[in-house]
C-alpha cells in the first residue's frame, strides 16, 4: 500500500480547502477513490511529493 494525499481545492488551481490522507495499492486505485468521494468535486491527488492528477 502506498500513501496518498488528496487536496480538496476551492477551484481548479485554487487554494486548498481540505486535506485527506489515504492508502491505496496504486495510482489508479487512489485516483478512483478520490473520484468516488462526494467531498471531492475538484481535487489533486499527490504521492511522494509529486502530483498524480487533478480531478475536475
PDB file of N, CA and C in Angstrom:
ATOM      1  N   UNK A   1       0.841  -1.177   0.000  1.00  0.00           N
ATOM      2  CA  UNK A   1       0.000   0.000   0.000  1.00  0.00           C
ATOM      3  C   UNK A   1       0.893   1.250   0.000  1.00  0.00           C
ATOM      4  N   UNK A   2       0.454   2.222  -0.747  1.00  0.00           N
ATOM      5  CA  UNK A   2       1.177   3.492  -0.829  1.00  0.00           C
ATOM      6  C   UNK A   2       0.337   4.584  -0.184  1.00  0.00           C
ATOM      7  N   UNK A   3       1.013   5.602   0.338  1.00  0.00           N
ATOM      8  CA  UNK A   3       0.349   6.743   0.962  1.00  0.00           C
ATOM      9  C   UNK A   3       0.029   7.796  -0.103  1.00  0.00           C
ATOM     10  N   UNK A   4      -1.190   8.310  -0.067  1.00  0.00           N
ATOM     11  CA  UNK A   4      -1.624   9.367  -0.980  1.00  0.00           C
ATOM     12  C   UNK A   4      -2.246  10.484  -0.173  1.00  0.00           C
ATOM     13  N   UNK A   5      -2.110  11.696  -0.662  1.00  0.00           N
ATOM     14  CA  UNK A   5      -2.768  12.856  -0.068  1.00  0.00           C
ATOM     15  C   UNK A   5      -3.703  13.425  -1.123  1.00  0.00           C
ATOM     16  N   UNK A   6      -4.939  13.661  -0.712  1.00  0.00           N
ATOM     17  CA  UNK A   6      -5.941  14.247  -1.598  1.00  0.00           C
ATOM     18  C   UNK A   6      -6.231  15.647  -1.074  1.00  0.00           C
ATOM     19  N   UNK A   7      -5.979  16.652  -1.897  1.00  0.00           N
ATOM     20  CA  UNK A   7      -6.238  18.044  -1.542  1.00  0.00           C
ATOM     21  C   UNK A   7      -7.512  18.508  -2.236  1.00  0.00           C
ATOM     22  N   UNK A   8      -8.539  18.854  -1.440  1.00  0.00           N
ATOM     23  CA  UNK A   8      -9.757  19.428  -1.992  1.00  0.00           C
ATOM     24  C   UNK A   8      -9.477  20.904  -2.249  1.00  0.00           C
ATOM     25  N   UNK A   9      -9.782  21.364  -3.466  1.00  0.00           N
ATOM     26  CA  UNK A   9      -9.497  22.739  -3.860  1.00  0.00           C
ATOM     27  C   UNK A   9     -10.781  23.548  -3.988  1.00  0.00           C
ATOM     28  N   UNK A  10     -10.694  24.854  -3.750  1.00  0.00           N
ATOM     29  CA  UNK A  10     -11.832  25.745  -3.918  1.00  0.00           C
ATOM     30  C   UNK A  10     -12.237  25.803  -5.393  1.00  0.00           C
ATOM     31  N   UNK A  11     -11.251  25.780  -6.274  1.00  0.00           N
ATOM     32  CA  UNK A  11     -11.457  25.736  -7.721  1.00  0.00           C
ATOM     33  C   UNK A  11     -10.178  25.217  -8.342  1.00  0.00           C
ATOM     34  N   UNK A  12     -10.214  24.871  -9.591  1.00  0.00           N
ATOM     35  CA  UNK A  12      -9.017  24.358 -10.268  1.00  0.00           C
ATOM     36  C   UNK A  12      -7.878  25.365 -10.137  1.00  0.00           C
ATOM     37  N   UNK A  13      -6.758  24.922  -9.592  1.00  0.00           N
ATOM     38  CA  UNK A  13      -5.606  25.799  -9.392  1.00  0.00           C
ATOM     39  C   UNK A  13      -5.757  26.722  -8.205  1.00  0.00           C
ATOM     40  N   UNK A  14      -6.837  26.566  -7.434  1.00  0.00           N
ATOM     41  CA  UNK A  14      -7.115  27.441  -6.300  1.00  0.00           C
ATOM     42  C   UNK A  14      -6.479  26.963  -5.006  1.00  0.00           C
ATOM     43  N   UNK A  15      -6.921  27.582  -3.913  1.00  0.00           N
ATOM     44  CA  UNK A  15      -6.364  27.256  -2.606  1.00  0.00           C
ATOM     45  C   UNK A  15      -6.907  25.915  -2.098  1.00  0.00           C
ATOM     46  N   UNK A  16      -6.142  25.298  -1.206  1.00  0.00           N
ATOM     47  CA  UNK A  16      -6.539  24.025  -0.606  1.00  0.00           C
ATOM     48  C   UNK A  16      -7.537  24.307   0.513  1.00  0.00           C
ATOM     49  N   UNK A  17      -8.702  23.669   0.423  1.00  0.00           N
ATOM     50  CA  UNK A  17      -9.756  23.835   1.409  1.00  0.00           C
ATOM     51  C   UNK A  17      -9.671  22.749   2.479  1.00  0.00           C
ATOM     52  N   UNK A  18      -9.307  21.540   2.063  1.00  0.00           N
ATOM     53  CA  UNK A  18      -9.288  20.393   2.971  1.00  0.00           C
ATOM     54  C   UNK A  18      -8.268  19.381   2.455  1.00  0.00           C
ATOM     55  N   UNK A  19      -7.637  18.659   3.366  1.00  0.00           N
ATOM     56  CA  UNK A  19      -6.662  17.641   3.009  1.00  0.00           C
ATOM     57  C   UNK A  19      -7.087  16.309   3.611  1.00  0.00           C
ATOM     58  N   UNK A  20      -6.902  15.236   2.848  1.00  0.00           N
ATOM     59  CA  UNK A  20      -7.269  13.899   3.315  1.00  0.00           C
ATOM     60  C   UNK A  20      -6.151  12.938   2.921  1.00  0.00           C
ATOM     61  N   UNK A  21      -5.740  12.080   3.855  1.00  0.00           N
ATOM     62  CA  UNK A  21      -4.737  11.054   3.571  1.00  0.00           C
ATOM     63  C   UNK A  21      -5.442   9.731   3.310  1.00  0.00           C
ATOM     64  N   UNK A  22      -4.879   8.926   2.416  1.00  0.00           N
ATOM     65  CA  UNK A  22      -5.440   7.601   2.137  1.00  0.00           C
ATOM     66  C   UNK A  22      -4.332   6.642   1.759  1.00  0.00           C
ATOM     67  N   UNK A  23      -4.638   5.376   1.888  1.00  0.00           N
ATOM     68  CA  UNK A  23      -3.745   4.316   1.440  1.00  0.00           C
ATOM     69  C   UNK A  23      -4.416   3.601   0.273  1.00  0.00           C
ATOM     70  N   UNK A  24      -3.637   3.289  -0.746  1.00  0.00           N
ATOM     71  CA  UNK A  24      -4.148   2.571  -1.911  1.00  0.00           C
ATOM     72  C   UNK A  24      -3.005   1.749  -2.497  1.00  0.00           C
ATOM     73  N   UNK A  25      -3.351   0.651  -3.189  1.00  0.00           N
ATOM     74  CA  UNK A  25      -2.306  -0.196  -3.760  1.00  0.00           C
ATOM     75  C   UNK A  25      -1.551   0.459  -4.920  1.00  0.00           C
ATOM     76  N   UNK A  26      -2.173   1.438  -5.591  1.00  0.00           N
ATOM     77  CA  UNK A  26      -1.515   2.086  -6.723  1.00  0.00           C
ATOM     78  C   UNK A  26      -2.214   3.376  -7.106  1.00  0.00           C
ATOM     79  N   UNK A  27      -1.622   4.094  -8.074  1.00  0.00           N
ATOM     80  CA  UNK A  27      -2.159   5.382  -8.504  1.00  0.00           C
ATOM     81  C   UNK A  27      -3.591   5.269  -9.021  1.00  0.00           C
ATOM     82  N   UNK A  28      -3.846   4.273  -9.829  1.00  0.00           N
ATOM     83  CA  UNK A  28      -5.167   4.118 -10.436  1.00  0.00           C
ATOM     84  C   UNK A  28      -6.259   3.986  -9.366  1.00  0.00           C
ATOM     85  N   UNK A  29      -5.994   3.188  -8.344  1.00  0.00           N
ATOM     86  CA  UNK A  29      -6.967   2.975  -7.282  1.00  0.00           C
ATOM     87  C   UNK A  29      -7.146   4.236  -6.433  1.00  0.00           C
ATOM     88  N   UNK A  30      -6.077   4.978  -6.201  1.00  0.00           N
ATOM     89  CA  UNK A  30      -6.157   6.215  -5.425  1.00  0.00           C
ATOM     90  C   UNK A  30      -6.966   7.267  -6.168  1.00  0.00           C
ATOM     91  N   UNK A  31      -6.732   7.384  -7.455  1.00  0.00           N
ATOM     92  CA  UNK A  31      -7.484   8.354  -8.265  1.00  0.00           C
ATOM     93  C   UNK A  31      -8.960   7.972  -8.297  1.00  0.00           C
ATOM     94  N   UNK A  32      -9.265   6.696  -8.453  1.00  0.00           N
ATOM     95  CA  UNK A  32     -10.657   6.246  -8.483  1.00  0.00           C
ATOM     96  C   UNK A  32     -11.343   6.512  -7.143  1.00  0.00           C
ATOM     97  N   UNK A  33     -10.649   6.264  -6.041  1.00  0.00           N
ATOM     98  CA  UNK A  33     -11.222   6.526  -4.717  1.00  0.00           C
ATOM     99  C   UNK A  33     -11.504   8.011  -4.532  1.00  0.00           C
ATOM    100  N   UNK A  34     -10.616   8.869  -5.009  1.00  0.00           N
ATOM    101  CA  UNK A  34     -10.835  10.316  -4.911  1.00  0.00           C
ATOM    102  C   UNK A  34     -12.011  10.736  -5.783  1.00  0.00           C
ATOM    103  N   UNK A  35     -12.118  10.179  -6.985  1.00  0.00           N
ATOM    104  CA  UNK A  35     -13.251  10.494  -7.873  1.00  0.00           C
ATOM    105  C   UNK A  35     -14.586  10.083  -7.252  1.00  0.00           C
ATOM    106  N   UNK A  36     -14.592   8.953  -6.564  1.00  0.00           N
ATOM    107  CA  UNK A  36     -15.812   8.421  -5.969  1.00  0.00           C
ATOM    108  C   UNK A  36     -16.220   9.167  -4.698  1.00  0.00           C
ATOM    109  N   UNK A  37     -15.315   9.958  -4.131  1.00  0.00           N
ATOM    110  CA  UNK A  37     -15.597  10.691  -2.899  1.00  0.00           C
ATOM    111  C   UNK A  37     -16.492  11.895  -3.206  1.00  0.00           C
ATOM    112  N   UNK A  38     -17.667  11.931  -2.584  1.00  0.00           N
ATOM    113  CA  UNK A  38     -18.615  13.032  -2.817  1.00  0.00           C
ATOM    114  C   UNK A  38     -18.063  14.369  -2.334  1.00  0.00           C
ATOM    115  N   UNK A  39     -17.080  14.340  -1.447  1.00  0.00           N
ATOM    116  CA  UNK A  39     -16.482  15.559  -0.900  1.00  0.00           C
ATOM    117  C   UNK A  39     -15.380  16.120  -1.804  1.00  0.00           C
ATOM    118  N   UNK A  40     -15.244  15.566  -2.998  1.00  0.00           N
ATOM    119  CA  UNK A  40     -14.110  15.917  -3.852  1.00  0.00           C
ATOM    120  C   UNK A  40     -14.541  16.293  -5.277  1.00  0.00           C
ATOM    121  N   UNK A  41     -15.244  17.421  -5.439  1.00  0.00           N
ATOM    122  CA  UNK A  41     -15.578  17.811  -6.811  1.00  0.00           C
ATOM    123  C   UNK A  41     -14.353  18.315  -7.595  1.00  0.00           C
ATOM    124  N   UNK A  42     -13.449  19.021  -6.911  1.00  0.00           N
ATOM    125  CA  UNK A  42     -12.196  19.478  -7.527  1.00  0.00           C
ATOM    126  C   UNK A  42     -11.074  19.136  -6.553  1.00  0.00           C
ATOM    127  N   UNK A  43     -10.219  18.186  -6.939  1.00  0.00           N
ATOM    128  CA  UNK A  43      -9.157  17.702  -6.043  1.00  0.00           C
ATOM    129  C   UNK A  43      -7.866  17.438  -6.808  1.00  0.00           C
ATOM    130  N   UNK A  44      -6.787  17.391  -6.041  1.00  0.00           N
ATOM    131  CA  UNK A  44      -5.497  16.927  -6.554  1.00  0.00           C
ATOM    132  C   UNK A  44      -5.085  15.710  -5.747  1.00  0.00           C
ATOM    133  N   UNK A  45      -4.533  14.715  -6.409  1.00  0.00           N
ATOM    134  CA  UNK A  45      -4.024  13.521  -5.746  1.00  0.00           C
ATOM    135  C   UNK A  45      -2.503  13.564  -5.831  1.00  0.00           C
ATOM    136  N   UNK A  46      -1.846  13.434  -4.673  1.00  0.00           N
ATOM    137  CA  UNK A  46      -0.393  13.506  -4.575  1.00  0.00           C
ATOM    138  C   UNK A  46       0.169  12.237  -3.964  1.00  0.00           C
ATOM    139  N   UNK A  47       1.360  11.855  -4.387  1.00  0.00           N
ATOM    140  CA  UNK A  47       2.077  10.727  -3.794  1.00  0.00           C
ATOM    141  C   UNK A  47       3.566  11.048  -3.808  1.00  0.00           C
ATOM    142  N   UNK A  48       4.211  10.873  -2.683  1.00  0.00           N
ATOM    143  CA  UNK A  48       5.659  11.103  -2.548  1.00  0.00           C
ATOM    144  C   UNK A  48       6.082  12.478  -3.051  1.00  0.00           C
ATOM    145  N   UNK A  49       5.264  13.502  -2.769  1.00  0.00           N
ATOM    146  CA  UNK A  49       5.589  14.865  -3.144  1.00  0.00           C
ATOM    147  C   UNK A  49       5.386  15.201  -4.606  1.00  0.00           C
ATOM    148  N   UNK A  50       4.797  14.291  -5.381  1.00  0.00           N
ATOM    149  CA  UNK A  50       4.544  14.547  -6.802  1.00  0.00           C
ATOM    150  C   UNK A  50       3.056  14.417  -7.086  1.00  0.00           C
ATOM    151  N   UNK A  51       2.547  15.356  -7.878  1.00  0.00           N
ATOM    152  CA  UNK A  51       1.136  15.315  -8.222  1.00  0.00           C
ATOM    153  C   UNK A  51       0.872  14.177  -9.188  1.00  0.00           C
ATOM    154  N   UNK A  52      -0.109  13.329  -8.834  1.00  0.00           N
ATOM    155  CA  UNK A  52      -0.510  12.223  -9.685  1.00  0.00           C
ATOM    156  C   UNK A  52      -1.500  12.727 -10.732  1.00  0.00           C
ATOM    157  N   UNK A  53      -2.518  13.474 -10.280  1.00  0.00           N
ATOM    158  CA  UNK A  53      -3.530  14.013 -11.200  1.00  0.00           C
ATOM    159  C   UNK A  53      -4.359  15.080 -10.524  1.00  0.00           C
ATOM    160  N   UNK A  54      -5.109  15.816 -11.324  1.00  0.00           N
ATOM    161  CA  UNK A  54      -6.108  16.761 -10.851  1.00  0.00           C
ATOM    162  C   UNK A  54      -7.465  16.262 -11.329  1.00  0.00           C
ATOM    163  N   UNK A  55      -8.432  16.235 -10.428  1.00  0.00           N
ATOM    164  CA  UNK A  55      -9.778  15.791 -10.760  1.00  0.00           C
ATOM    165  C   UNK A  55     -10.665  17.019 -10.833  1.00  0.00           C
ATOM    166  N   UNK A  56     -11.307  17.209 -11.971  1.00  0.00           N
ATOM    167  CA  UNK A  56     -12.186  18.356 -12.167  1.00  0.00           C
ATOM    168  C   UNK A  56     -13.630  17.926 -12.279  1.00  0.00           C
TER     169      UNK A  56
END
